[in-house]
Structures are given as C-alpha cells and as structure tokens.
C-alpha cells in the first residue's frame, strides 16, 4: 500500500490519529494506523520512518491566525514609523524656511 493510500484510509476513519508507511525489509509496502492515543511510539536515531499525525483543522487555523496577527502588528508599526519620519521631515523643512525668511529680512535691514 502506498503512502497516499494509507493517508486516505486514515482520513476516512474518524478515530485515526496518525499513520505511517511501514518499511518492512526496505520495500515500504505496508500501512500502520493509530487509533486513540499514540502509545507505541519509539525514538529511532538512524533510518527511522516518518509518522504523520492527523490534526484538527482548528489547530492549524490557530497557527495561521497568530502569524497573521504578527503580520498586522508589524505592518501597523511600519506605517507609524513612516508617518513619524514624514512629520519630522515636514517640521525640519518648515523651520528651515522660517530661518531662511528671517535671514532674508535681516539682510534687507543691514
């Protein structure tokens, strides 16, 4: 059984929590499916197999939502900084014009 067939078999069963392609003697022709809790999991240092854990769509959306919130915050902060920089340029430009006008007046009086 291929990995896609194993996946489809797991998705068709509401109790399935994980699946893996069993690699018996290197041929990879089986399918292991877990129901309930993952109780027979082992840590394999070399040559291990992939275990695909089924997650609720709501768990995945929470991760997407938190990353989009971070994006909105960063975007808003960038806009505030840009606004402050533009205000700073405007203030400096206004002061420079006032100073030039003052110097012109002083020049006329002298």
Protein backbone atom coordinates (compact mmCIF):
# COMPACT_ATOMS: atom_id res chain seq x y z
CA UNK A 1 0.00 0.00 0.00
CA UNK A 2 1.37 3.43 -0.93
CA UNK A 3 1.67 6.36 1.45
CA UNK A 4 -1.23 8.16 -0.27
CA UNK A 5 -3.46 5.11 0.07
CA UNK A 6 -2.52 4.86 3.74
CA UNK A 7 -3.32 8.56 4.19
CA UNK A 8 -6.72 8.18 2.52
CA UNK A 9 -7.50 5.17 4.71
CA UNK A 10 -6.69 7.22 7.81
CA UNK A 11 -8.73 10.22 6.65
CA UNK A 12 -11.78 8.02 6.07
CA UNK A 13 -11.74 6.87 9.71
CA UNK A 14 -12.68 9.48 12.34
CA UNK A 15 -10.77 7.60 15.07
CA UNK A 16 -7.46 7.66 13.18
CA UNK A 17 -4.90 9.91 14.88
CA UNK A 18 -1.75 9.02 12.90
CA UNK A 19 -0.44 6.85 10.10
CA UNK A 20 2.87 5.66 8.73
CA UNK A 21 4.14 3.69 5.79
CA UNK A 22 5.67 0.52 7.19
CA UNK A 23 9.04 -0.23 5.68
CA UNK A 24 9.38 -3.97 6.12
CA UNK A 25 12.75 -5.07 4.68
CA UNK A 26 13.06 -1.80 2.73
CA UNK A 27 10.04 -2.33 0.47
CA UNK A 28 7.64 0.16 2.14
CA UNK A 29 4.52 -1.78 1.25
CA UNK A 30 2.50 -1.65 4.47
CA UNK A 31 0.40 0.83 6.38
CA UNK A 32 0.32 1.38 10.13
CA UNK A 33 -2.61 3.34 11.53
CA UNK A 34 -3.02 4.55 15.13
CA UNK A 35 -6.40 4.95 16.81
CA UNK A 36 -6.94 6.75 20.12
CA UNK A 37 -3.57 7.58 21.70
CA UNK A 38 -0.09 7.17 20.27
CA UNK A 39 1.16 4.57 22.75
CA UNK A 40 3.72 2.53 20.82
CA UNK A 41 5.97 5.31 19.53
CA UNK A 42 9.73 4.75 19.60
CA UNK A 43 12.67 7.08 19.03
CA UNK A 44 14.90 5.78 16.23
CA UNK A 45 18.25 7.53 15.86
CA UNK A 46 19.12 6.30 12.34
CA UNK A 47 17.00 5.15 9.46
CA UNK A 48 13.70 5.91 11.17
CA UNK A 49 10.38 6.26 9.42
CA UNK A 50 8.06 9.25 9.16
CA UNK A 51 4.93 9.33 11.30
CA UNK A 52 2.10 11.51 10.03
CA UNK A 53 -0.06 12.87 12.84
CA UNK A 54 -3.58 13.91 11.98
CA UNK A 55 -4.52 17.34 13.34
CA UNK A 56 -7.79 19.19 13.62
CA UNK A 57 -8.33 21.98 11.12
CA UNK A 58 -8.98 24.35 14.04
CA UNK A 59 -5.47 23.64 15.40
CA UNK A 60 -3.93 24.57 12.05
CA UNK A 61 -6.04 27.75 11.74
CA UNK A 62 -4.84 28.91 15.16
CA UNK A 63 -1.26 28.87 13.90
CA UNK A 64 -2.25 30.77 10.76
CA UNK A 65 -4.19 33.33 12.79
CA UNK A 66 -1.31 34.01 15.16
CA UNK A 67 1.10 34.55 12.26
CA UNK A 68 -1.35 36.89 10.53
CA UNK A 69 -1.74 38.89 13.76
CA UNK A 70 2.03 39.30 13.91
CA UNK A 71 2.00 40.48 10.29
CA UNK A 72 -0.68 43.08 11.01
CA UNK A 73 1.24 44.37 14.04
CA UNK A 74 4.47 44.66 12.06
CA UNK A 75 2.67 46.43 9.21
CA UNK A 76 1.00 48.90 11.56
CA UNK A 77 4.29 49.62 13.33
CA UNK A 78 5.99 50.26 9.98
CA UNK A 79 3.26 52.72 9.00
CA UNK A 80 3.55 54.59 12.30
CA UNK A 81 7.33 54.85 11.92
CA UNK A 82 6.98 56.07 8.33
CA UNK A 83 4.42 58.66 9.45
CA UNK A 84 6.74 59.93 12.19
CA UNK A 85 9.63 60.21 9.73
CA UNK A 86 7.47 62.20 7.29
CA UNK A 87 6.29 64.53 10.08
CA UNK A 88 9.92 65.04 11.13
CA UNK A 89 10.91 65.99 7.57
CA UNK A 90 7.99 68.44 7.37
CA UNK A 91 8.93 70.09 10.68
CA UNK A 92 12.60 70.43 9.67
CA UNK A 93 11.62 71.84 6.28
CA UNK A 94 9.27 74.39 7.88
CA UNK A 95 11.93 75.52 10.35
CA UNK A 96 14.49 75.85 7.54
CA UNK A 97 12.08 78.00 5.50
CA UNK A 98 11.37 80.20 8.54
CA UNK A 99 15.10 80.59 9.18
CA UNK A 100 15.74 81.50 5.52
CA UNK A 101 12.93 84.08 5.66
CA UNK A 102 14.35 85.55 8.85
CA UNK A 103 17.85 85.76 7.36
CA UNK A 104 16.45 87.49 4.25
CA UNK A 105 14.72 90.07 6.45
CA UNK A 106 17.91 90.67 8.43
CA UNK A 107 19.84 91.01 5.15
CA UNK A 108 17.44 93.67 3.89
CA UNK A 109 17.74 95.65 7.10
CA UNK A 110 21.52 95.67 7.03
